[in-house]
């Protein structure tokens, strides 16, 4: 299968912004094993700004744009250095692709992205994609969040499956942080207004996404013919079950919309 995996800042980094070594090393190990099993893997990775916060020893994620861009510039180097080092231990080569909203909207640029990704996969590389946070600053250039970016990549490269690894086990009947009786929903076959209403909307202190962005990503991906799964990034070994179609997290079933 061709699998796109998106990992959020909350999985890669501690609340301090410093790298969560255990989670990151386990993720790389599982993704390398999936590649060894014959799957094509694309990783959409958040974490540049969050890791920049830690690398620059800032007390919190900055709110002004220039400081965010500075953190992204520092953190992206750290992020790719870490991935390159870890994947190399399993004899896999990584490639970096940084995108903006303009790259996605412009037809010829989007085609170039598709061609580059296709060729990288043919060459056996593992593309690692992030938004170019050092230049994407407004509603024109910014994609906004990596859940959306991962969905766009999934559609662009015609992947079979998108997995969003987050700090939550999946979609619940209510917010599990405030409703202890909330139940995990294992399968969503239709993204109805009632399903959309389950979104909570808020991300972690270091990240930007929330359940609403994940549900919008699911709507985009499933209508293009791919499955999508939300699972807990603290347990990367779930990717084995997900790739085999077994129950893990919340799976959104592919559904081609009628013309």
C-alpha atoms as a PDB file:
ATOM      1  CA  UNK A   1       0.000   0.000   0.000  1.00  0.00           C
ATOM      2  CA  UNK A   2       0.911   3.636  -0.371  1.00  0.00           C
ATOM      3  CA  UNK A   3       0.531   5.112   3.111  1.00  0.00           C
ATOM      4  CA  UNK A   4       0.739   8.733   4.263  1.00  0.00           C
ATOM      5  CA  UNK A   5       1.421   9.100   7.987  1.00  0.00           C
ATOM      6  CA  UNK A   6       1.042  12.466   9.702  1.00  0.00           C
ATOM      7  CA  UNK A   7       2.639  12.930  13.087  1.00  0.00           C
ATOM      8  CA  UNK A   8       1.842  15.893  15.319  1.00  0.00           C
ATOM      9  CA  UNK A   9       4.037  18.018  17.538  1.00  0.00           C
ATOM     10  CA  UNK A  10       2.439  16.525  20.647  1.00  0.00           C
ATOM     11  CA  UNK A  11       3.819  13.107  19.635  1.00  0.00           C
ATOM     12  CA  UNK A  12       7.306  14.250  18.660  1.00  0.00           C
ATOM     13  CA  UNK A  13       7.991  16.681  21.481  1.00  0.00           C
ATOM     14  CA  UNK A  14       7.515  16.979  25.200  1.00  0.00           C
ATOM     15  CA  UNK A  15       5.630  20.010  26.523  1.00  0.00           C
ATOM     16  CA  UNK A  16       9.053  21.657  26.915  1.00  0.00           C
ATOM     17  CA  UNK A  17       9.513  21.536  23.140  1.00  0.00           C
ATOM     18  CA  UNK A  18      12.393  19.082  23.491  1.00  0.00           C
ATOM     19  CA  UNK A  19      12.334  15.880  21.456  1.00  0.00           C
ATOM     20  CA  UNK A  20      10.356  12.948  22.847  1.00  0.00           C
ATOM     21  CA  UNK A  21      13.089  10.435  22.089  1.00  0.00           C
ATOM     22  CA  UNK A  22      11.098   7.318  22.913  1.00  0.00           C
ATOM     23  CA  UNK A  23       8.106   8.196  20.715  1.00  0.00           C
ATOM     24  CA  UNK A  24      10.216   9.412  17.799  1.00  0.00           C
ATOM     25  CA  UNK A  25      12.554   6.407  17.787  1.00  0.00           C
ATOM     26  CA  UNK A  26       9.630   3.980  17.983  1.00  0.00           C
ATOM     27  CA  UNK A  27       7.831   5.771  15.141  1.00  0.00           C
ATOM     28  CA  UNK A  28      10.913   5.583  12.903  1.00  0.00           C
ATOM     29  CA  UNK A  29      11.370   1.891  13.723  1.00  0.00           C
ATOM     30  CA  UNK A  30       7.770   1.030  12.770  1.00  0.00           C
ATOM     31  CA  UNK A  31       7.797   3.136   9.578  1.00  0.00           C
ATOM     32  CA  UNK A  32      11.082   1.503   8.550  1.00  0.00           C
ATOM     33  CA  UNK A  33       9.551  -1.930   9.150  1.00  0.00           C
ATOM     34  CA  UNK A  34       6.495  -1.028   7.052  1.00  0.00           C
ATOM     35  CA  UNK A  35       8.835  -0.015   4.229  1.00  0.00           C
ATOM     36  CA  UNK A  36      10.732  -3.278   4.634  1.00  0.00           C
ATOM     37  CA  UNK A  37       7.398  -5.097   4.253  1.00  0.00           C
ATOM     38  CA  UNK A  38       6.912  -3.449   0.851  1.00  0.00           C
ATOM     39  CA  UNK A  39       4.703  -0.464   1.663  1.00  0.00           C
ATOM     40  CA  UNK A  40       5.430   2.977   0.249  1.00  0.00           C
ATOM     41  CA  UNK A  41       5.540   5.488   3.104  1.00  0.00           C
ATOM     42  CA  UNK A  42       5.278   9.279   3.104  1.00  0.00           C
ATOM     43  CA  UNK A  43       5.652  11.101   6.413  1.00  0.00           C
ATOM     44  CA  UNK A  44       4.015  14.479   7.003  1.00  0.00           C
ATOM     45  CA  UNK A  45       5.728  15.763  10.106  1.00  0.00           C
ATOM     46  CA  UNK A  46       4.872  18.684  12.321  1.00  0.00           C
ATOM     47  CA  UNK A  47       7.325  19.759  14.965  1.00  0.00           C
ATOM     48  CA  UNK A  48       9.611  22.390  13.424  1.00  0.00           C
ATOM     49  CA  UNK A  49       8.341  25.324  15.489  1.00  0.00           C
ATOM     50  CA  UNK A  50       7.936  23.207  18.617  1.00  0.00           C
ATOM     51  CA  UNK A  51      11.460  21.824  18.340  1.00  0.00           C
ATOM     52  CA  UNK A  52      12.789  25.300  17.605  1.00  0.00           C
ATOM     53  CA  UNK A  53      11.208  26.479  20.859  1.00  0.00           C
ATOM     54  CA  UNK A  54      13.194  23.830  22.708  1.00  0.00           C
ATOM     55  CA  UNK A  55      16.421  24.335  20.754  1.00  0.00           C
ATOM     56  CA  UNK A  56      16.338  28.090  21.409  1.00  0.00           C
ATOM     57  CA  UNK A  57      15.476  27.487  25.080  1.00  0.00           C
ATOM     58  CA  UNK A  58      12.343  29.638  24.933  1.00  0.00           C
ATOM     59  CA  UNK A  59       9.901  29.348  27.817  1.00  0.00           C
ATOM     60  CA  UNK A  60       6.837  28.984  25.554  1.00  0.00           C
ATOM     61  CA  UNK A  61       5.754  28.893  21.933  1.00  0.00           C
ATOM     62  CA  UNK A  62       6.010  32.487  20.636  1.00  0.00           C
ATOM     63  CA  UNK A  63       2.986  34.389  19.402  1.00  0.00           C
ATOM     64  CA  UNK A  64       4.625  36.916  17.046  1.00  0.00           C
ATOM     65  CA  UNK A  65       5.232  35.853  13.432  1.00  0.00           C
ATOM     66  CA  UNK A  66       8.951  36.618  13.192  1.00  0.00           C
ATOM     67  CA  UNK A  67       9.722  34.554  16.294  1.00  0.00           C
ATOM     68  CA  UNK A  68       7.605  31.663  14.977  1.00  0.00           C
ATOM     69  CA  UNK A  69       9.531  31.794  11.701  1.00  0.00           C
ATOM     70  CA  UNK A  70      12.834  31.865  13.557  1.00  0.00           C
ATOM     71  CA  UNK A  71      11.785  28.818  15.596  1.00  0.00           C
ATOM     72  CA  UNK A  72      10.709  27.035  12.404  1.00  0.00           C
ATOM     73  CA  UNK A  73      14.051  27.740  10.717  1.00  0.00           C
ATOM     74  CA  UNK A  74      16.013  26.351  13.674  1.00  0.00           C
ATOM     75  CA  UNK A  75      13.600  23.514  14.422  1.00  0.00           C
ATOM     76  CA  UNK A  76      13.351  22.225  10.840  1.00  0.00           C
ATOM     77  CA  UNK A  77      17.118  21.630  10.797  1.00  0.00           C
ATOM     78  CA  UNK A  78      16.885  19.730  14.073  1.00  0.00           C
ATOM     79  CA  UNK A  79      13.866  17.755  12.883  1.00  0.00           C
ATOM     80  CA  UNK A  80      15.448  16.577   9.631  1.00  0.00           C
ATOM     81  CA  UNK A  81      18.798  15.866  11.288  1.00  0.00           C
ATOM     82  CA  UNK A  82      16.969  13.633  13.758  1.00  0.00           C
ATOM     83  CA  UNK A  83      14.975  11.802  11.069  1.00  0.00           C
ATOM     84  CA  UNK A  84      18.010  11.344   8.835  1.00  0.00           C
ATOM     85  CA  UNK A  85      20.039   9.893  11.694  1.00  0.00           C
ATOM     86  CA  UNK A  86      17.283   7.559  12.909  1.00  0.00           C
ATOM     87  CA  UNK A  87      16.132   6.276   9.497  1.00  0.00           C
ATOM     88  CA  UNK A  88      19.750   5.759   8.374  1.00  0.00           C
ATOM     89  CA  UNK A  89      20.140   3.262  11.216  1.00  0.00           C
ATOM     90  CA  UNK A  90      17.544   1.111   9.420  1.00  0.00           C
ATOM     91  CA  UNK A  91      19.139   1.722   6.000  1.00  0.00           C
ATOM     92  CA  UNK A  92      16.421   4.058   4.704  1.00  0.00           C
ATOM     93  CA  UNK A  93      17.014   7.347   2.906  1.00  0.00           C
ATOM     94  CA  UNK A  94      14.853  10.355   3.696  1.00  0.00           C
ATOM     95  CA  UNK A  95      14.014  13.384   1.551  1.00  0.00           C
ATOM     96  CA  UNK A  96      12.718  16.774   2.683  1.00  0.00           C
ATOM     97  CA  UNK A  97       9.900  18.636   0.958  1.00  0.00           C
ATOM     98  CA  UNK A  98       8.640  21.975   2.335  1.00  0.00           C
ATOM     99  CA  UNK A  99       5.370  23.278   0.879  1.00  0.00           C
ATOM    100  CA  UNK A 100       3.205  26.394   0.985  1.00  0.00           C
ATOM    101  CA  UNK A 101      -0.386  27.052  -0.016  1.00  0.00           C
ATOM    102  CA  UNK A 102       0.816  28.616  -3.274  1.00  0.00           C
ATOM    103  CA  UNK A 103       2.550  25.344  -4.211  1.00  0.00           C
ATOM    104  CA  UNK A 104      -0.725  23.488  -3.709  1.00  0.00           C
ATOM    105  CA  UNK A 105      -2.998  25.975  -5.499  1.00  0.00           C
ATOM    106  CA  UNK A 106      -0.764  26.513  -8.557  1.00  0.00           C
ATOM    107  CA  UNK A 107      -1.466  23.689 -11.067  1.00  0.00           C
ATOM    108  CA  UNK A 108       2.048  23.325 -12.476  1.00  0.00           C
ATOM    109  CA  UNK A 109       3.655  23.470  -9.031  1.00  0.00           C
ATOM    110  CA  UNK A 110       1.234  20.839  -7.755  1.00  0.00           C
ATOM    111  CA  UNK A 111       2.118  18.620 -10.710  1.00  0.00           C
ATOM    112  CA  UNK A 112       5.813  19.083  -9.927  1.00  0.00           C
ATOM    113  CA  UNK A 113       5.163  18.016  -6.331  1.00  0.00           C
ATOM    114  CA  UNK A 114       3.335  14.927  -7.540  1.00  0.00           C
ATOM    115  CA  UNK A 115       6.130  14.048  -9.977  1.00  0.00           C
ATOM    116  CA  UNK A 116       8.829  14.540  -7.355  1.00  0.00           C
ATOM    117  CA  UNK A 117       7.017  12.431  -4.764  1.00  0.00           C
ATOM    118  CA  UNK A 118       6.374   9.677  -7.302  1.00  0.00           C
ATOM    119  CA  UNK A 119      10.037   9.584  -8.326  1.00  0.00           C
ATOM    120  CA  UNK A 120      11.243   9.588  -4.707  1.00  0.00           C
ATOM    121  CA  UNK A 121       9.019   6.591  -3.964  1.00  0.00           C
ATOM    122  CA  UNK A 122      10.296   4.822  -7.092  1.00  0.00           C
ATOM    123  CA  UNK A 123      13.850   5.402  -5.835  1.00  0.00           C
ATOM    124  CA  UNK A 124      12.965   3.886  -2.476  1.00  0.00           C
ATOM    125  CA  UNK A 125      13.259   7.107  -0.493  1.00  0.00           C
ATOM    126  CA  UNK A 126      10.957   8.139   2.327  1.00  0.00           C
ATOM    127  CA  UNK A 127       9.695  11.691   1.691  1.00  0.00           C
ATOM    128  CA  UNK A 128       9.215  13.847   4.794  1.00  0.00           C
ATOM    129  CA  UNK A 129       6.879  16.787   4.217  1.00  0.00           C
ATOM    130  CA  UNK A 130       6.160  19.860   6.306  1.00  0.00           C
ATOM    131  CA  UNK A 131       4.685  23.271   5.673  1.00  0.00           C
ATOM    132  CA  UNK A 132       7.349  25.880   4.955  1.00  0.00           C
ATOM    133  CA  UNK A 133       6.648  27.873   8.109  1.00  0.00           C
ATOM    134  CA  UNK A 134       9.511  30.297   7.474  1.00  0.00           C
ATOM    135  CA  UNK A 135       7.715  31.833   4.461  1.00  0.00           C
ATOM    136  CA  UNK A 136       4.042  30.805   4.779  1.00  0.00           C
ATOM    137  CA  UNK A 137       2.607  33.676   6.805  1.00  0.00           C
ATOM    138  CA  UNK A 138      -0.908  34.521   5.642  1.00  0.00           C
ATOM    139  CA  UNK A 139      -4.124  33.054   4.296  1.00  0.00           C
ATOM    140  CA  UNK A 140      -2.704  33.022   0.753  1.00  0.00           C
ATOM    141  CA  UNK A 141       0.611  31.272   1.379  1.00  0.00           C
ATOM    142  CA  UNK A 142      -0.305  29.222   4.460  1.00  0.00           C
ATOM    143  CA  UNK A 143      -1.958  25.807   4.372  1.00  0.00           C
ATOM    144  CA  UNK A 144      -2.708  26.276   8.063  1.00  0.00           C
ATOM    145  CA  UNK A 145      -2.228  22.857   9.633  1.00  0.00           C
ATOM    146  CA  UNK A 146      -0.582  19.554   8.795  1.00  0.00           C
ATOM    147  CA  UNK A 147      -3.801  17.527   8.984  1.00  0.00           C
ATOM    148  CA  UNK A 148      -4.949  19.464   5.919  1.00  0.00           C
ATOM    149  CA  UNK A 149      -1.508  19.208   4.317  1.00  0.00           C
ATOM    150  CA  UNK A 150      -1.492  15.430   4.839  1.00  0.00           C
ATOM    151  CA  UNK A 151      -4.943  15.139   3.250  1.00  0.00           C
ATOM    152  CA  UNK A 152      -3.802  17.184   0.250  1.00  0.00           C
ATOM    153  CA  UNK A 153      -0.702  15.016  -0.144  1.00  0.00           C
ATOM    154  CA  UNK A 154      -2.814  11.845   0.117  1.00  0.00           C
ATOM    155  CA  UNK A 155      -5.100  13.024  -2.679  1.00  0.00           C
ATOM    156  CA  UNK A 156      -2.225  14.373  -4.787  1.00  0.00           C
ATOM    157  CA  UNK A 157      -0.197  11.161  -4.686  1.00  0.00           C
ATOM    158  CA  UNK A 158      -3.279   8.877  -4.809  1.00  0.00           C
ATOM    159  CA  UNK A 159      -2.350   7.105  -1.585  1.00  0.00           C
ATOM    160  CA  UNK A 160      -4.445   4.225  -0.276  1.00  0.00           C
ATOM    161  CA  UNK A 161      -4.441   5.304   3.357  1.00  0.00           C
ATOM    162  CA  UNK A 162      -3.849   8.351   5.538  1.00  0.00           C
ATOM    163  CA  UNK A 163      -3.033   7.878   9.225  1.00  0.00           C
ATOM    164  CA  UNK A 164      -3.172  10.901  11.535  1.00  0.00           C
ATOM    165  CA  UNK A 165      -1.150  10.198  14.677  1.00  0.00           C
ATOM    166  CA  UNK A 166      -2.294  12.521  17.437  1.00  0.00           C
ATOM    167  CA  UNK A 167      -2.465  12.808  21.237  1.00  0.00           C
ATOM    168  CA  UNK A 168      -5.907  11.179  21.301  1.00  0.00           C
ATOM    169  CA  UNK A 169      -7.008   7.596  20.568  1.00  0.00           C
ATOM    170  CA  UNK A 170      -9.541   8.603  17.898  1.00  0.00           C
ATOM    171  CA  UNK A 171     -12.966  10.198  17.563  1.00  0.00           C
ATOM    172  CA  UNK A 172     -15.175   9.941  20.632  1.00  0.00           C
ATOM    173  CA  UNK A 173     -18.878  10.393  21.253  1.00  0.00           C
ATOM    174  CA  UNK A 174     -17.881  13.379  23.434  1.00  0.00           C
ATOM    175  CA  UNK A 175     -14.697  15.080  24.617  1.00  0.00           C
ATOM    176  CA  UNK A 176     -12.983  12.359  26.708  1.00  0.00           C
ATOM    177  CA  UNK A 177     -11.069  14.981  28.701  1.00  0.00           C
ATOM    178  CA  UNK A 178     -14.310  16.401  30.092  1.00  0.00           C
ATOM    179  CA  UNK A 179     -16.677  13.433  29.681  1.00  0.00           C
ATOM    180  CA  UNK A 180     -15.248  10.270  31.289  1.00  0.00           C
ATOM    181  CA  UNK A 181     -18.130   8.208  29.875  1.00  0.00           C
ATOM    182  CA  UNK A 182     -17.242   9.141  26.267  1.00  0.00           C
ATOM    183  CA  UNK A 183     -16.920   6.138  23.930  1.00  0.00           C
ATOM    184  CA  UNK A 184     -14.409   5.671  21.123  1.00  0.00           C
ATOM    185  CA  UNK A 185     -16.030   5.406  17.683  1.00  0.00           C
ATOM    186  CA  UNK A 186     -14.144   2.642  15.816  1.00  0.00           C
ATOM    187  CA  UNK A 187     -15.639   3.190  12.346  1.00  0.00           C
ATOM    188  CA  UNK A 188     -17.182   6.172  10.567  1.00  0.00           C
ATOM    189  CA  UNK A 189     -18.760   5.330   7.221  1.00  0.00           C
ATOM    190  CA  UNK A 190     -20.301   8.754   6.545  1.00  0.00           C
ATOM    191  CA  UNK A 191     -19.097  12.139   7.747  1.00  0.00           C
ATOM    192  CA  UNK A 192     -22.470  13.614   8.579  1.00  0.00           C
ATOM    193  CA  UNK A 193     -23.177  16.999  10.227  1.00  0.00           C
ATOM    194  CA  UNK A 194     -23.652  15.035  13.458  1.00  0.00           C
ATOM    195  CA  UNK A 195     -20.137  13.603  13.139  1.00  0.00           C
ATOM    196  CA  UNK A 196     -18.707  17.065  12.392  1.00  0.00           C
ATOM    197  CA  UNK A 197     -20.451  18.368  15.526  1.00  0.00           C
ATOM    198  CA  UNK A 198     -18.304  16.017  17.643  1.00  0.00           C
ATOM    199  CA  UNK A 199     -15.190  18.090  16.890  1.00  0.00           C
ATOM    200  CA  UNK A 200     -13.687  19.887  19.847  1.00  0.00           C
ATOM    201  CA  UNK A 201     -11.484  22.248  17.856  1.00  0.00           C
ATOM    202  CA  UNK A 202      -8.511  22.928  20.138  1.00  0.00           C
ATOM    203  CA  UNK A 203      -4.967  21.678  19.713  1.00  0.00           C
ATOM    204  CA  UNK A 204      -2.177  21.289  22.253  1.00  0.00           C
ATOM    205  CA  UNK A 205       0.006  24.149  23.461  1.00  0.00           C
ATOM    206  CA  UNK A 206       2.731  23.304  20.936  1.00  0.00           C
ATOM    207  CA  UNK A 207       0.515  22.240  18.017  1.00  0.00           C
ATOM    208  CA  UNK A 208      -2.111  23.915  15.849  1.00  0.00           C
ATOM    209  CA  UNK A 209      -4.568  21.182  14.851  1.00  0.00           C
ATOM    210  CA  UNK A 210      -7.717  19.891  16.505  1.00  0.00           C
ATOM    211  CA  UNK A 211     -10.447  17.360  15.835  1.00  0.00           C
ATOM    212  CA  UNK A 212     -12.269  19.712  13.454  1.00  0.00           C
ATOM    213  CA  UNK A 213      -9.224  19.851  11.143  1.00  0.00           C
ATOM    214  CA  UNK A 214      -8.973  16.057  11.276  1.00  0.00           C
ATOM    215  CA  UNK A 215     -12.618  15.626  10.305  1.00  0.00           C
ATOM    216  CA  UNK A 216     -12.218  18.048   7.396  1.00  0.00           C
ATOM    217  CA  UNK A 217      -9.163  16.032   6.324  1.00  0.00           C
ATOM    218  CA  UNK A 218     -11.228  12.838   6.560  1.00  0.00           C
ATOM    219  CA  UNK A 219     -13.926  14.319   4.359  1.00  0.00           C
ATOM    220  CA  UNK A 220     -11.347  15.258   1.715  1.00  0.00           C
ATOM    221  CA  UNK A 221      -9.511  11.930   1.801  1.00  0.00           C
ATOM    222  CA  UNK A 222     -12.501   9.569   1.906  1.00  0.00           C
ATOM    223  CA  UNK A 223     -14.209  11.351  -0.988  1.00  0.00           C
ATOM    224  CA  UNK A 224     -11.050  10.768  -3.049  1.00  0.00           C
ATOM    225  CA  UNK A 225     -11.209   7.008  -2.412  1.00  0.00           C
ATOM    226  CA  UNK A 226      -8.753   6.517   0.464  1.00  0.00           C
ATOM    227  CA  UNK A 227      -9.306   5.410   4.045  1.00  0.00           C
ATOM    228  CA  UNK A 228      -8.225   7.599   6.946  1.00  0.00           C
ATOM    229  CA  UNK A 229      -7.434   6.588  10.519  1.00  0.00           C
ATOM    230  CA  UNK A 230      -6.961   8.721  13.632  1.00  0.00           C
ATOM    231  CA  UNK A 231      -4.788   6.938  16.219  1.00  0.00           C
ATOM    232  CA  UNK A 232      -2.653   7.729  19.237  1.00  0.00           C
ATOM    233  CA  UNK A 233       0.907   8.685  18.299  1.00  0.00           C
ATOM    234  CA  UNK A 234       2.165   7.458  21.665  1.00  0.00           C
ATOM    235  CA  UNK A 235       1.663   3.943  20.278  1.00  0.00           C
ATOM    236  CA  UNK A 236       3.266   3.817  16.788  1.00  0.00           C
ATOM    237  CA  UNK A 237       2.983   0.006  16.814  1.00  0.00           C
ATOM    238  CA  UNK A 238      -0.719   0.538  16.027  1.00  0.00           C
ATOM    239  CA  UNK A 239       0.431   1.255  12.462  1.00  0.00           C
ATOM    240  CA  UNK A 240       0.891  -2.507  11.961  1.00  0.00           C
ATOM    241  CA  UNK A 241      -2.781  -3.167  12.734  1.00  0.00           C
ATOM    242  CA  UNK A 242      -3.895  -0.146  10.718  1.00  0.00           C
ATOM    243  CA  UNK A 243      -1.935  -1.225   7.638  1.00  0.00           C
ATOM    244  CA  UNK A 244      -3.531  -4.687   7.891  1.00  0.00           C
ATOM    245  CA  UNK A 245      -7.023  -3.210   8.161  1.00  0.00           C
ATOM    246  CA  UNK A 246      -7.510  -4.301  11.768  1.00  0.00           C
ATOM    247  CA  UNK A 247      -9.341  -2.182  14.333  1.00  0.00           C
ATOM    248  CA  UNK A 248      -7.258   0.637  15.812  1.00  0.00           C
ATOM    249  CA  UNK A 249      -8.276   4.182  16.598  1.00  0.00           C
ATOM    250  CA  UNK A 250     -11.082   5.530  14.406  1.00  0.00           C
ATOM    251  CA  UNK A 251     -11.203   4.495  10.750  1.00  0.00           C
ATOM    252  CA  UNK A 252     -13.041   6.660   8.215  1.00  0.00           C
ATOM    253  CA  UNK A 253     -14.084   4.462   5.302  1.00  0.00           C
ATOM    254  CA  UNK A 254     -13.340   5.545   1.744  1.00  0.00           C
ATOM    255  CA  UNK A 255     -16.397   6.853  -0.039  1.00  0.00           C
ATOM    256  CA  UNK A 256     -16.458   8.174  -3.587  1.00  0.00           C
ATOM    257  CA  UNK A 257     -19.057  10.896  -3.933  1.00  0.00           C
ATOM    258  CA  UNK A 258     -21.553  10.564  -6.752  1.00  0.00           C
ATOM    259  CA  UNK A 259     -21.053  13.034  -9.591  1.00  0.00           C
END
